[in-house]
Amino acid sequence: MSNLVQLYGPSFSVFVRVAALVCEEKGIAYQTGKEINGQTIDIHSDKHFQLHPFGKMPVLIHGDKILCETASIGRYLDRIFGPETLQGATDWERAQIDQWCSLITQYIDFYVVRQFMLEVVFPKGDSGEPRMDVISANRPAAENAIAIVAEQLGDKPFLVGQQFTLADAMLAPMLTYNKDAPAPINLVNAHPKLLEYTNRLRARPSGQKVLQPMSKSR
């Protein structure tokens, strides 16, 4: 099987960035974008839905294997390109990492990115302006989600335990995007330890490659 991993989806996508971070951490050769094995596949085309039944990203193509859903992709890459380094040293750590991968995917992303930040990134108001009433209405839930992450981090160097894990990879793109966001939606800066953690994630060699501001990653 080829060592090249193909990640279907744009490099600025939050979850494509998660998979790319895993590849960087593991030293895996990879590429991102809409081209798979030399063929361009348009987003939400019939071929895209053949790769992911709900038309989401990323999708991993590795030889003849196709895998969707970000946490599953991360676990697969960590195992196949072993030894495993991103899933904890004990059964309890592994369970906590799985828990936080789920929480980040299902709730943190929803409240902070989908319901809050995207109103500024892709505004839906008249004349292409952000709807400030929507931002105000969704702000408490986004602030609560960020506060939950800050509480979990506490004084630890990483979200779960003492080592960088898949949970940190899942969280890093969301936090760096929020840190770079304008004042109306920037929540990370209100939590000094979370801000320090975000900066450390970006300073990692993998973060320097992947966690660039959106304007530099297109």
N, C-alpha and C. Protein backbone atom coordinates (compact mmCIF):
# COMPACT_ATOMS: atom_id res chain seq x y z
N MET A 1 0.84 -1.19 0.00
CA MET A 1 0.00 0.00 0.00
C MET A 1 0.88 1.25 0.00
N SER A 2 0.48 2.25 -0.78
CA SER A 2 1.21 3.51 -0.83
C SER A 2 1.21 4.17 0.54
N ASN A 3 2.31 4.88 0.86
CA ASN A 3 2.37 5.63 2.10
C ASN A 3 1.65 6.96 2.00
N LEU A 4 1.32 7.41 0.77
CA LEU A 4 0.65 8.69 0.60
C LEU A 4 -0.79 8.61 1.08
N VAL A 5 -1.16 9.55 1.93
CA VAL A 5 -2.53 9.67 2.41
C VAL A 5 -3.18 10.86 1.71
N GLN A 6 -4.35 10.64 1.15
CA GLN A 6 -5.10 11.71 0.53
C GLN A 6 -6.26 12.10 1.44
N LEU A 7 -6.37 13.39 1.71
CA LEU A 7 -7.44 13.92 2.56
C LEU A 7 -8.33 14.78 1.69
N TYR A 8 -9.53 14.29 1.44
CA TYR A 8 -10.47 15.03 0.60
C TYR A 8 -11.07 16.18 1.40
N GLY A 9 -10.88 17.40 0.89
CA GLY A 9 -11.42 18.58 1.53
C GLY A 9 -10.43 19.72 1.48
N PRO A 10 -10.89 20.97 1.61
CA PRO A 10 -10.00 22.13 1.53
C PRO A 10 -9.13 22.25 2.77
N SER A 11 -7.93 22.78 2.59
CA SER A 11 -6.97 22.83 3.68
C SER A 11 -7.41 23.76 4.81
N PHE A 12 -8.36 24.69 4.54
CA PHE A 12 -8.80 25.60 5.60
C PHE A 12 -9.92 25.02 6.45
N SER A 13 -10.49 23.89 6.05
CA SER A 13 -11.55 23.25 6.82
C SER A 13 -11.04 22.85 8.20
N VAL A 14 -11.83 23.11 9.23
CA VAL A 14 -11.44 22.77 10.60
C VAL A 14 -11.05 21.30 10.70
N PHE A 15 -11.90 20.42 10.20
CA PHE A 15 -11.66 18.99 10.41
C PHE A 15 -10.64 18.43 9.43
N VAL A 16 -10.48 19.01 8.26
CA VAL A 16 -9.37 18.63 7.39
C VAL A 16 -8.06 18.97 8.08
N ARG A 17 -8.04 20.11 8.76
CA ARG A 17 -6.84 20.49 9.50
C ARG A 17 -6.52 19.51 10.62
N VAL A 18 -7.55 18.99 11.27
CA VAL A 18 -7.31 17.98 12.31
C VAL A 18 -6.56 16.79 11.72
N ALA A 19 -7.06 16.26 10.61
CA ALA A 19 -6.41 15.11 9.98
C ALA A 19 -5.01 15.46 9.52
N ALA A 20 -4.83 16.68 8.99
CA ALA A 20 -3.50 17.10 8.56
C ALA A 20 -2.54 17.19 9.75
N LEU A 21 -3.02 17.68 10.89
CA LEU A 21 -2.18 17.73 12.09
C LEU A 21 -1.70 16.34 12.49
N VAL A 22 -2.61 15.36 12.44
CA VAL A 22 -2.23 13.99 12.77
C VAL A 22 -1.14 13.51 11.82
N CYS A 23 -1.31 13.80 10.54
CA CYS A 23 -0.29 13.39 9.56
C CYS A 23 1.06 14.04 9.87
N GLU A 24 1.04 15.32 10.20
CA GLU A 24 2.29 16.01 10.53
C GLU A 24 2.93 15.44 11.79
N GLU A 25 2.11 15.18 12.80
CA GLU A 25 2.64 14.62 14.05
C GLU A 25 3.26 13.25 13.83
N LYS A 26 2.70 12.47 12.90
CA LYS A 26 3.17 11.11 12.66
C LYS A 26 4.20 11.02 11.54
N GLY A 27 4.47 12.15 10.87
CA GLY A 27 5.42 12.13 9.77
C GLY A 27 4.89 11.41 8.54
N ILE A 28 3.60 11.55 8.28
CA ILE A 28 2.94 10.86 7.17
C ILE A 28 2.88 11.78 5.96
N ALA A 29 3.24 11.27 4.79
CA ALA A 29 3.08 12.04 3.55
C ALA A 29 1.60 12.13 3.21
N TYR A 30 1.12 13.35 2.94
CA TYR A 30 -0.31 13.51 2.67
C TYR A 30 -0.55 14.68 1.74
N GLN A 31 -1.74 14.73 1.19
CA GLN A 31 -2.17 15.88 0.41
C GLN A 31 -3.63 16.16 0.72
N THR A 32 -4.02 17.43 0.60
CA THR A 32 -5.40 17.82 0.81
C THR A 32 -5.94 18.44 -0.47
N GLY A 33 -7.26 18.54 -0.55
CA GLY A 33 -7.88 19.16 -1.72
C GLY A 33 -8.99 18.30 -2.30
N LYS A 34 -9.48 18.73 -3.44
CA LYS A 34 -10.59 18.04 -4.10
C LYS A 34 -10.14 17.02 -5.14
N GLU A 35 -8.83 16.88 -5.31
CA GLU A 35 -8.32 15.94 -6.31
C GLU A 35 -7.95 14.62 -5.63
N ILE A 36 -8.55 13.55 -6.11
CA ILE A 36 -8.29 12.20 -5.60
C ILE A 36 -7.81 11.33 -6.74
N ASN A 37 -6.60 10.82 -6.60
CA ASN A 37 -6.01 9.97 -7.64
C ASN A 37 -6.10 10.63 -9.01
N GLY A 38 -5.81 11.93 -9.04
CA GLY A 38 -5.78 12.66 -10.30
C GLY A 38 -7.14 13.12 -10.81
N GLN A 39 -8.21 12.82 -10.09
CA GLN A 39 -9.56 13.20 -10.52
C GLN A 39 -10.13 14.24 -9.55
N THR A 40 -10.64 15.35 -10.10
CA THR A 40 -11.26 16.37 -9.27
C THR A 40 -12.69 15.97 -8.94
N ILE A 41 -13.01 15.99 -7.66
CA ILE A 41 -14.35 15.63 -7.19
C ILE A 41 -14.97 16.87 -6.53
N ASP A 42 -16.01 17.39 -7.14
CA ASP A 42 -16.65 18.59 -6.61
C ASP A 42 -17.33 18.29 -5.28
N ILE A 43 -17.28 19.27 -4.38
CA ILE A 43 -17.93 19.12 -3.09
C ILE A 43 -19.44 19.00 -3.27
N HIS A 44 -20.02 18.04 -2.59
CA HIS A 44 -21.46 17.72 -2.62
C HIS A 44 -21.92 17.19 -3.97
N SER A 45 -20.96 16.71 -4.77
CA SER A 45 -21.31 16.00 -5.99
C SER A 45 -21.69 14.57 -5.65
N ASP A 46 -22.22 13.84 -6.62
CA ASP A 46 -22.56 12.43 -6.39
C ASP A 46 -21.34 11.64 -5.94
N LYS A 47 -20.19 11.94 -6.51
CA LYS A 47 -18.97 11.21 -6.14
C LYS A 47 -18.55 11.53 -4.71
N HIS A 48 -18.78 12.77 -4.29
CA HIS A 48 -18.48 13.11 -2.90
C HIS A 48 -19.36 12.29 -1.97
N PHE A 49 -20.64 12.18 -2.28
CA PHE A 49 -21.54 11.41 -1.42
C PHE A 49 -21.22 9.91 -1.45
N GLN A 50 -20.52 9.47 -2.47
CA GLN A 50 -20.05 8.09 -2.47
C GLN A 50 -18.89 7.91 -1.49
N LEU A 51 -18.14 9.00 -1.26
CA LEU A 51 -17.03 8.95 -0.31
C LEU A 51 -17.52 9.12 1.13
N HIS A 52 -18.51 9.99 1.32
CA HIS A 52 -19.09 10.24 2.64
C HIS A 52 -20.61 10.30 2.48
N PRO A 53 -21.35 9.44 3.14
CA PRO A 53 -22.80 9.36 2.90
C PRO A 53 -23.56 10.63 3.23
N PHE A 54 -22.95 11.54 4.02
CA PHE A 54 -23.62 12.80 4.35
C PHE A 54 -22.89 14.01 3.77
N GLY A 55 -21.96 13.77 2.86
CA GLY A 55 -21.31 14.85 2.16
C GLY A 55 -20.44 15.74 3.03
N LYS A 56 -19.78 15.16 4.04
CA LYS A 56 -18.92 15.92 4.93
C LYS A 56 -17.45 15.70 4.57
N MET A 57 -16.60 16.43 5.29
CA MET A 57 -15.15 16.35 5.08
C MET A 57 -14.46 16.37 6.45
N PRO A 58 -13.29 15.74 6.52
CA PRO A 58 -12.52 15.13 5.44
C PRO A 58 -12.95 13.69 5.18
N VAL A 59 -12.45 13.19 4.07
CA VAL A 59 -12.49 11.76 3.77
C VAL A 59 -11.07 11.32 3.50
N LEU A 60 -10.67 10.22 4.10
CA LEU A 60 -9.32 9.69 3.89
C LEU A 60 -9.36 8.65 2.79
N ILE A 61 -8.42 8.77 1.85
CA ILE A 61 -8.21 7.74 0.83
C ILE A 61 -6.77 7.27 0.98
N HIS A 62 -6.62 6.00 1.30
CA HIS A 62 -5.30 5.43 1.53
C HIS A 62 -5.23 4.11 0.77
N GLY A 63 -4.61 4.16 -0.41
CA GLY A 63 -4.63 2.98 -1.27
C GLY A 63 -6.06 2.70 -1.70
N ASP A 64 -6.55 1.49 -1.42
CA ASP A 64 -7.92 1.15 -1.78
C ASP A 64 -8.90 1.34 -0.62
N LYS A 65 -8.44 1.96 0.45
CA LYS A 65 -9.28 2.16 1.63
C LYS A 65 -9.86 3.58 1.65
N ILE A 66 -11.13 3.69 1.98
CA ILE A 66 -11.82 4.97 2.11
C ILE A 66 -12.43 5.03 3.50
N LEU A 67 -12.16 6.11 4.20
CA LEU A 67 -12.62 6.24 5.58
C LEU A 67 -13.08 7.68 5.82
N CYS A 68 -14.25 7.83 6.46
CA CYS A 68 -14.73 9.16 6.80
C CYS A 68 -14.88 9.29 8.31
N GLU A 69 -15.13 10.52 8.73
CA GLU A 69 -15.27 10.93 10.13
C GLU A 69 -13.88 11.13 10.75
N THR A 70 -13.68 12.34 11.27
CA THR A 70 -12.35 12.81 11.62
C THR A 70 -11.68 11.98 12.71
N ALA A 71 -12.38 11.69 13.80
CA ALA A 71 -11.76 10.92 14.88
C ALA A 71 -11.37 9.53 14.41
N SER A 72 -12.21 8.91 13.59
CA SER A 72 -11.88 7.59 13.05
C SER A 72 -10.65 7.66 12.17
N ILE A 73 -10.55 8.71 11.38
CA ILE A 73 -9.37 8.90 10.53
C ILE A 73 -8.12 9.05 11.41
N GLY A 74 -8.22 9.86 12.47
CA GLY A 74 -7.08 10.05 13.35
C GLY A 74 -6.63 8.76 14.01
N ARG A 75 -7.58 7.98 14.48
CA ARG A 75 -7.22 6.71 15.13
C ARG A 75 -6.58 5.75 14.13
N TYR A 76 -7.12 5.70 12.93
CA TYR A 76 -6.57 4.82 11.89
C TYR A 76 -5.12 5.21 11.58
N LEU A 77 -4.88 6.49 11.36
CA LEU A 77 -3.53 6.95 11.03
C LEU A 77 -2.55 6.66 12.15
N ASP A 78 -3.00 6.85 13.39
CA ASP A 78 -2.12 6.62 14.53
C ASP A 78 -1.73 5.15 14.64
N ARG A 79 -2.66 4.26 14.29
CA ARG A 79 -2.38 2.83 14.38
C ARG A 79 -1.56 2.32 13.20
N ILE A 80 -1.95 2.71 12.00
CA ILE A 80 -1.30 2.19 10.80
C ILE A 80 0.13 2.70 10.69
N PHE A 81 0.34 3.95 11.04
CA PHE A 81 1.67 4.53 10.99
C PHE A 81 2.23 4.58 12.41
N GLY A 82 2.30 3.41 13.02
CA GLY A 82 2.68 3.28 14.42
C GLY A 82 4.13 3.58 14.67
N PRO A 83 4.56 3.50 15.95
CA PRO A 83 3.74 3.11 17.10
C PRO A 83 2.71 4.17 17.47
N GLU A 84 1.64 3.74 18.14
CA GLU A 84 0.60 4.67 18.53
C GLU A 84 1.15 5.70 19.52
N THR A 85 0.91 6.96 19.24
CA THR A 85 1.42 8.03 20.09
C THR A 85 0.34 9.05 20.47
N LEU A 86 -0.83 8.95 19.89
CA LEU A 86 -1.84 10.01 20.05
C LEU A 86 -3.09 9.55 20.78
N GLN A 87 -3.08 8.33 21.36
CA GLN A 87 -4.31 7.81 21.94
C GLN A 87 -4.18 7.42 23.41
N GLY A 88 -3.15 7.93 24.06
CA GLY A 88 -3.02 7.71 25.49
C GLY A 88 -2.19 6.50 25.85
N ALA A 89 -1.68 6.51 27.09
CA ALA A 89 -0.81 5.44 27.56
C ALA A 89 -1.55 4.39 28.36
N THR A 90 -2.78 4.68 28.80
CA THR A 90 -3.55 3.74 29.60
C THR A 90 -4.97 3.64 29.04
N ASP A 91 -5.70 2.62 29.47
CA ASP A 91 -7.09 2.48 29.04
C ASP A 91 -7.92 3.68 29.46
N TRP A 92 -7.66 4.23 30.65
CA TRP A 92 -8.41 5.37 31.13
C TRP A 92 -8.12 6.62 30.29
N GLU A 93 -6.86 6.85 29.96
CA GLU A 93 -6.52 7.98 29.11
C GLU A 93 -7.17 7.82 27.73
N ARG A 94 -7.14 6.61 27.19
CA ARG A 94 -7.75 6.36 25.89
C ARG A 94 -9.25 6.68 25.93
N ALA A 95 -9.91 6.26 27.02
CA ALA A 95 -11.34 6.54 27.14
C ALA A 95 -11.60 8.04 27.24
N GLN A 96 -10.76 8.76 28.00
CA GLN A 96 -10.93 10.20 28.12
C GLN A 96 -10.70 10.91 26.78
N ILE A 97 -9.70 10.46 26.05
CA ILE A 97 -9.43 11.05 24.74
C ILE A 97 -10.60 10.82 23.80
N ASP A 98 -11.14 9.61 23.80
CA ASP A 98 -12.32 9.33 22.98
C ASP A 98 -13.49 10.22 23.40
N GLN A 99 -13.66 10.37 24.71
CA GLN A 99 -14.74 11.22 25.22
C GLN A 99 -14.61 12.65 24.70
N TRP A 100 -13.39 13.20 24.79
CA TRP A 100 -13.21 14.59 24.39
C TRP A 100 -13.24 14.76 22.88
N CYS A 101 -12.82 13.77 22.14
CA CYS A 101 -12.99 13.84 20.68
C CYS A 101 -14.46 13.95 20.32
N SER A 102 -15.29 13.20 21.01
CA SER A 102 -16.73 13.25 20.77
C SER A 102 -17.30 14.59 21.20
N LEU A 103 -16.93 15.07 22.39
CA LEU A 103 -17.44 16.36 22.87
C LEU A 103 -17.04 17.50 21.94
N ILE A 104 -15.82 17.48 21.47
CA ILE A 104 -15.34 18.53 20.57
C ILE A 104 -16.10 18.50 19.25
N THR A 105 -16.27 17.30 18.70
CA THR A 105 -16.94 17.18 17.41
C THR A 105 -18.41 17.56 17.50
N GLN A 106 -19.09 17.07 18.54
CA GLN A 106 -20.53 17.22 18.62
C GLN A 106 -20.97 18.56 19.20
N TYR A 107 -20.21 19.12 20.14
CA TYR A 107 -20.68 20.28 20.89
C TYR A 107 -19.80 21.52 20.73
N ILE A 108 -18.50 21.38 20.96
CA ILE A 108 -17.64 22.55 20.88
C ILE A 108 -17.68 23.13 19.47
N ASP A 109 -17.54 22.28 18.47
CA ASP A 109 -17.61 22.76 17.09
C ASP A 109 -18.96 23.39 16.79
N PHE A 110 -20.03 22.78 17.26
CA PHE A 110 -21.37 23.30 16.97
C PHE A 110 -21.57 24.68 17.57
N TYR A 111 -21.27 24.82 18.87
CA TYR A 111 -21.57 26.07 19.56
C TYR A 111 -20.58 27.19 19.23
N VAL A 112 -19.30 26.83 19.06
CA VAL A 112 -18.29 27.86 18.84
C VAL A 112 -18.11 28.19 17.36
N VAL A 113 -18.08 27.17 16.51
CA VAL A 113 -17.81 27.40 15.09
C VAL A 113 -19.10 27.56 14.30
N ARG A 114 -19.93 26.52 14.29
CA ARG A 114 -21.11 26.53 13.39
C ARG A 114 -22.12 27.60 13.76
N GLN A 115 -22.43 27.70 15.04
CA GLN A 115 -23.49 28.61 15.48
C GLN A 115 -23.00 30.03 15.75
N PHE A 116 -21.70 30.21 15.87
CA PHE A 116 -21.18 31.50 16.33
C PHE A 116 -20.20 32.12 15.33
N MET A 117 -19.05 31.49 15.12
CA MET A 117 -18.01 32.09 14.30
C MET A 117 -18.38 32.22 12.84
N LEU A 118 -19.10 31.25 12.30
CA LEU A 118 -19.41 31.28 10.87
C LEU A 118 -20.28 32.45 10.47
N GLU A 119 -20.96 33.05 11.44
CA GLU A 119 -21.77 34.23 11.12
C GLU A 119 -20.90 35.40 10.71
N VAL A 120 -19.66 35.44 11.20
CA VAL A 120 -18.72 36.48 10.79
C VAL A 120 -17.92 36.05 9.57
N VAL A 121 -17.51 34.78 9.55
CA VAL A 121 -16.69 34.28 8.44
C VAL A 121 -17.51 34.24 7.15
N PHE A 122 -18.74 33.75 7.25
CA PHE A 122 -19.64 33.68 6.09
C PHE A 122 -20.95 34.37 6.45
N PRO A 123 -20.96 35.70 6.49
CA PRO A 123 -22.14 36.44 6.97
C PRO A 123 -23.36 36.23 6.08
N LYS A 124 -24.52 36.23 6.72
CA LYS A 124 -25.77 35.99 6.01
C LYS A 124 -26.74 37.17 6.10
N GLY A 125 -26.25 38.30 6.60
CA GLY A 125 -27.10 39.46 6.72
C GLY A 125 -27.25 40.22 5.43
N ASP A 126 -28.07 41.27 5.45
CA ASP A 126 -28.26 42.12 4.28
C ASP A 126 -26.92 42.74 3.88
N SER A 127 -26.71 42.82 2.57
CA SER A 127 -25.48 43.41 2.01
C SER A 127 -24.23 42.67 2.45
N GLY A 128 -24.39 41.40 2.81
CA GLY A 128 -23.23 40.59 3.19
C GLY A 128 -22.64 40.93 4.53
N GLU A 129 -23.41 41.55 5.40
CA GLU A 129 -22.92 41.91 6.73
C GLU A 129 -23.30 40.83 7.74
N PRO A 130 -22.46 40.64 8.77
CA PRO A 130 -22.83 39.68 9.84
C PRO A 130 -24.10 40.13 10.55
N ARG A 131 -24.90 39.18 10.95
CA ARG A 131 -26.11 39.49 11.71
C ARG A 131 -25.74 39.56 13.19
N MET A 132 -25.62 40.77 13.69
CA MET A 132 -25.16 40.96 15.05
C MET A 132 -26.15 40.40 16.07
N ASP A 133 -27.43 40.36 15.72
CA ASP A 133 -28.40 39.79 16.64
C ASP A 133 -28.18 38.28 16.79
N VAL A 134 -27.78 37.63 15.70
CA VAL A 134 -27.49 36.19 15.75
C VAL A 134 -26.23 35.95 16.59
N ILE A 135 -25.22 36.78 16.39
CA ILE A 135 -23.99 36.65 17.17
C ILE A 135 -24.29 36.83 18.66
N SER A 136 -25.08 37.83 18.99
CA SER A 136 -25.42 38.09 20.40
C SER A 136 -26.22 36.94 21.00
N ALA A 137 -27.16 36.41 20.23
CA ALA A 137 -28.00 35.33 20.73
C ALA A 137 -27.21 34.06 20.98
N ASN A 138 -26.21 33.79 20.13
CA ASN A 138 -25.44 32.55 20.24
C ASN A 138 -24.19 32.68 21.09
N ARG A 139 -23.86 33.90 21.49
CA ARG A 139 -22.64 34.12 22.26
C ARG A 139 -22.61 33.37 23.59
N PRO A 140 -23.69 33.38 24.40
CA PRO A 140 -23.60 32.68 25.69
C PRO A 140 -23.25 31.20 25.56
N ALA A 141 -23.83 30.50 24.59
CA ALA A 141 -23.53 29.08 24.41
C ALA A 141 -22.09 28.88 23.97
N ALA A 142 -21.59 29.78 23.12
CA ALA A 142 -20.19 29.69 22.68
C ALA A 142 -19.24 29.96 23.84
N GLU A 143 -19.56 30.98 24.64
CA GLU A 143 -18.72 31.28 25.81
C GLU A 143 -18.72 30.11 26.79
N ASN A 144 -19.85 29.49 26.98
CA ASN A 144 -19.92 28.34 27.88
C ASN A 144 -19.07 27.19 27.37
N ALA A 145 -19.12 26.94 26.06
CA ALA A 145 -18.32 25.85 25.48
C ALA A 145 -16.83 26.10 25.67
N ILE A 146 -16.40 27.33 25.43
CA ILE A 146 -14.99 27.67 25.62
C ILE A 146 -14.60 27.57 27.09
N ALA A 147 -15.49 27.97 27.98
CA ALA A 147 -15.20 27.87 29.42
C ALA A 147 -15.06 26.41 29.85
N ILE A 148 -15.86 25.53 29.28
CA ILE A 148 -15.76 24.10 29.59
C ILE A 148 -14.39 23.56 29.16
N VAL A 149 -13.94 23.96 27.98
CA VAL A 149 -12.61 23.53 27.52
C VAL A 149 -11.52 24.08 28.45
N ALA A 150 -11.64 25.36 28.82
CA ALA A 150 -10.64 25.96 29.70
C ALA A 150 -10.59 25.25 31.05
N GLU A 151 -11.74 24.87 31.56
CA GLU A 151 -11.79 24.15 32.84
C GLU A 151 -11.13 22.78 32.72
N GLN A 152 -11.40 22.07 31.62
CA GLN A 152 -10.79 20.77 31.41
C GLN A 152 -9.28 20.89 31.29
N LEU A 153 -8.81 21.93 30.61
CA LEU A 153 -7.36 22.13 30.45
C LEU A 153 -6.71 22.41 31.80
N GLY A 154 -7.31 23.32 32.57
CA GLY A 154 -6.74 23.66 33.87
C GLY A 154 -5.29 24.08 33.76
N ASP A 155 -4.45 23.46 34.57
CA ASP A 155 -3.01 23.76 34.56
C ASP A 155 -2.21 22.73 33.77
N LYS A 156 -2.90 21.83 33.09
CA LYS A 156 -2.20 20.77 32.35
C LYS A 156 -1.59 21.33 31.07
N PRO A 157 -0.54 20.70 30.56
CA PRO A 157 0.02 21.15 29.29
C PRO A 157 -0.85 20.79 28.09
N PHE A 158 -1.66 19.73 28.24
CA PHE A 158 -2.53 19.29 27.15
C PHE A 158 -3.90 18.93 27.70
N LEU A 159 -4.85 18.73 26.82
CA LEU A 159 -6.23 18.57 27.23
C LEU A 159 -6.44 17.33 28.10
N VAL A 160 -5.76 16.24 27.74
CA VAL A 160 -5.84 14.99 28.51
C VAL A 160 -4.41 14.53 28.80
N GLY A 161 -4.00 14.61 30.04
CA GLY A 161 -2.69 14.10 30.40
C GLY A 161 -1.55 15.04 30.05
N GLN A 162 -0.37 14.47 29.93
CA GLN A 162 0.86 15.25 29.78
C GLN A 162 1.42 15.25 28.37
N GLN A 163 0.75 14.57 27.44
CA GLN A 163 1.26 14.46 26.08
C GLN A 163 0.21 14.95 25.08
N PHE A 164 0.68 15.43 23.93
CA PHE A 164 -0.21 15.79 22.83
C PHE A 164 -0.94 14.54 22.35
N THR A 165 -2.26 14.64 22.23
CA THR A 165 -3.06 13.49 21.80
C THR A 165 -4.02 13.91 20.70
N LEU A 166 -4.80 12.94 20.25
CA LEU A 166 -5.80 13.21 19.23
C LEU A 166 -6.80 14.26 19.69
N ALA A 167 -7.08 14.33 21.00
CA ALA A 167 -8.00 15.34 21.51
C ALA A 167 -7.45 16.75 21.26
N ASP A 168 -6.16 16.94 21.42
CA ASP A 168 -5.55 18.25 21.15
C ASP A 168 -5.61 18.58 19.66
N ALA A 169 -5.37 17.57 18.84
CA ALA A 169 -5.46 17.78 17.39
C ALA A 169 -6.87 18.17 16.98
N MET A 170 -7.88 17.56 17.62
CA MET A 170 -9.26 17.88 17.30
C MET A 170 -9.61 19.31 17.67
N LEU A 171 -9.02 19.80 18.74
CA LEU A 171 -9.37 21.12 19.27
C LEU A 171 -8.57 22.25 18.64
N ALA A 172 -7.34 21.98 18.25
CA ALA A 172 -6.40 23.03 17.85
C ALA A 172 -6.92 23.94 16.72
N PRO A 173 -7.47 23.42 15.63
CA PRO A 173 -7.92 24.33 14.57
C PRO A 173 -9.04 25.27 15.02
N MET A 174 -9.95 24.79 15.86
CA MET A 174 -11.04 25.65 16.35
C MET A 174 -10.49 26.77 17.20
N LEU A 175 -9.57 26.45 18.11
CA LEU A 175 -9.03 27.46 19.00
C LEU A 175 -8.19 28.49 18.25
N THR A 176 -7.37 28.05 17.31
CA THR A 176 -6.53 29.01 16.58
C THR A 176 -7.38 29.91 15.70
N TYR A 177 -8.41 29.37 15.08
CA TYR A 177 -9.31 30.23 14.31
C TYR A 177 -9.99 31.24 15.21
N ASN A 178 -10.42 30.81 16.39
CA ASN A 178 -11.09 31.74 17.28
C ASN A 178 -10.13 32.80 17.80
N LYS A 179 -8.91 32.40 18.12
CA LYS A 179 -7.90 33.35 18.58
C LYS A 179 -7.65 34.43 17.54
N ASP A 180 -7.66 34.06 16.26
CA ASP A 180 -7.39 35.00 15.18
C ASP A 180 -8.61 35.85 14.82
N ALA A 181 -9.77 35.52 15.36
CA ALA A 181 -11.01 36.17 14.96
C ALA A 181 -11.11 37.58 15.53
N PRO A 182 -11.91 38.43 14.90
CA PRO A 182 -12.10 39.79 15.43
C PRO A 182 -12.83 39.77 16.77
N ALA A 183 -12.80 40.91 17.42
CA ALA A 183 -13.31 41.03 18.79
C ALA A 183 -14.72 40.49 19.01
N PRO A 184 -15.66 40.69 18.11
CA PRO A 184 -17.02 40.23 18.41
C PRO A 184 -17.12 38.73 18.67
N ILE A 185 -16.20 37.94 18.12
CA ILE A 185 -16.31 36.49 18.28
C ILE A 185 -15.05 35.87 18.89
N ASN A 186 -14.09 36.68 19.30
CA ASN A 186 -12.87 36.15 19.90
C ASN A 186 -13.13 35.85 21.36
N LEU A 187 -13.10 34.59 21.73
CA LEU A 187 -13.39 34.15 23.09
C LEU A 187 -12.17 33.59 23.81
N VAL A 188 -11.21 33.08 23.06
CA VAL A 188 -10.03 32.42 23.66
C VAL A 188 -9.23 33.40 24.50
N ASN A 189 -9.13 34.65 24.05
CA ASN A 189 -8.28 35.61 24.74
C ASN A 189 -8.75 35.93 26.15
N ALA A 190 -9.99 35.59 26.47
CA ALA A 190 -10.52 35.85 27.82
C ALA A 190 -10.04 34.81 28.83
N HIS A 191 -9.35 33.78 28.37
CA HIS A 191 -8.87 32.70 29.23
C HIS A 191 -7.36 32.58 29.06
N PRO A 192 -6.55 33.21 29.91
CA PRO A 192 -5.10 33.27 29.71
C PRO A 192 -4.44 31.90 29.51
N LYS A 193 -4.81 30.91 30.30
CA LYS A 193 -4.17 29.60 30.16
C LYS A 193 -4.59 28.91 28.87
N LEU A 194 -5.83 29.12 28.45
CA LEU A 194 -6.29 28.56 27.18
C LEU A 194 -5.58 29.26 26.02
N LEU A 195 -5.36 30.56 26.15
CA LEU A 195 -4.63 31.30 25.12
C LEU A 195 -3.19 30.80 25.03
N GLU A 196 -2.56 30.59 26.17
CA GLU A 196 -1.19 30.06 26.17
C GLU A 196 -1.14 28.68 25.52
N TYR A 197 -2.10 27.84 25.85
CA TYR A 197 -2.20 26.50 25.25
C TYR A 197 -2.37 26.60 23.74
N THR A 198 -3.24 27.49 23.28
CA THR A 198 -3.47 27.67 21.85
C THR A 198 -2.19 28.10 21.15
N ASN A 199 -1.46 29.01 21.75
CA ASN A 199 -0.20 29.46 21.16
C ASN A 199 0.82 28.33 21.12
N ARG A 200 0.84 27.48 22.14
CA ARG A 200 1.78 26.36 22.16
C ARG A 200 1.43 25.34 21.08
N LEU A 201 0.15 25.11 20.85
CA LEU A 201 -0.25 24.19 19.79
C LEU A 201 0.19 24.71 18.43
N ARG A 202 0.02 26.00 18.22
CA ARG A 202 0.43 26.58 16.94
C ARG A 202 1.95 26.57 16.78
N ALA A 203 2.68 26.65 17.89
CA ALA A 203 4.14 26.69 17.83
C ALA A 203 4.77 25.33 17.58
N ARG A 204 4.01 24.25 17.77
CA ARG A 204 4.54 22.93 17.48
C ARG A 204 4.90 22.85 15.99
N PRO A 205 5.86 22.01 15.60
CA PRO A 205 6.17 21.88 14.18
C PRO A 205 4.93 21.56 13.33
N SER A 206 4.06 20.71 13.84
CA SER A 206 2.83 20.40 13.10
C SER A 206 1.94 21.62 12.99
N GLY A 207 1.84 22.41 14.07
CA GLY A 207 1.02 23.60 14.06
C GLY A 207 1.55 24.66 13.11
N GLN A 208 2.86 24.79 13.04
CA GLN A 208 3.45 25.77 12.12
C GLN A 208 3.13 25.42 10.68
N LYS A 209 2.98 24.14 10.39
CA LYS A 209 2.64 23.72 9.03
C LYS A 209 1.15 23.88 8.74
N VAL A 210 0.30 23.59 9.72
CA VAL A 210 -1.13 23.43 9.46
C VAL A 210 -1.97 24.60 9.96
N LEU A 211 -1.63 25.15 11.11
CA LEU A 211 -2.52 26.09 11.80
C LEU A 211 -2.26 27.54 11.41
N GLN A 212 -2.23 27.79 10.11
CA GLN A 212 -2.05 29.15 9.62
C GLN A 212 -3.38 29.88 9.59
N PRO A 213 -3.34 31.22 9.73
CA PRO A 213 -4.60 31.98 9.56
C PRO A 213 -5.24 31.67 8.22
N MET A 214 -6.56 31.75 8.17
CA MET A 214 -7.29 31.34 6.98
C MET A 214 -6.80 32.04 5.72
N SER A 215 -6.48 33.33 5.82
CA SER A 215 -6.07 34.09 4.64
C SER A 215 -4.78 33.56 4.05
N LYS A 216 -3.97 32.86 4.88
CA LYS A 216 -2.69 32.32 4.40
C LYS A 216 -2.79 30.87 3.96
N SER A 217 -3.97 30.25 4.17
CA SER A 217 -4.06 28.82 3.91
C SER A 217 -4.84 28.50 2.63
N ARG A 218 -5.41 29.50 1.99
CA ARG A 218 -6.18 29.24 0.77
C ARG A 218 -5.27 29.03 -0.41
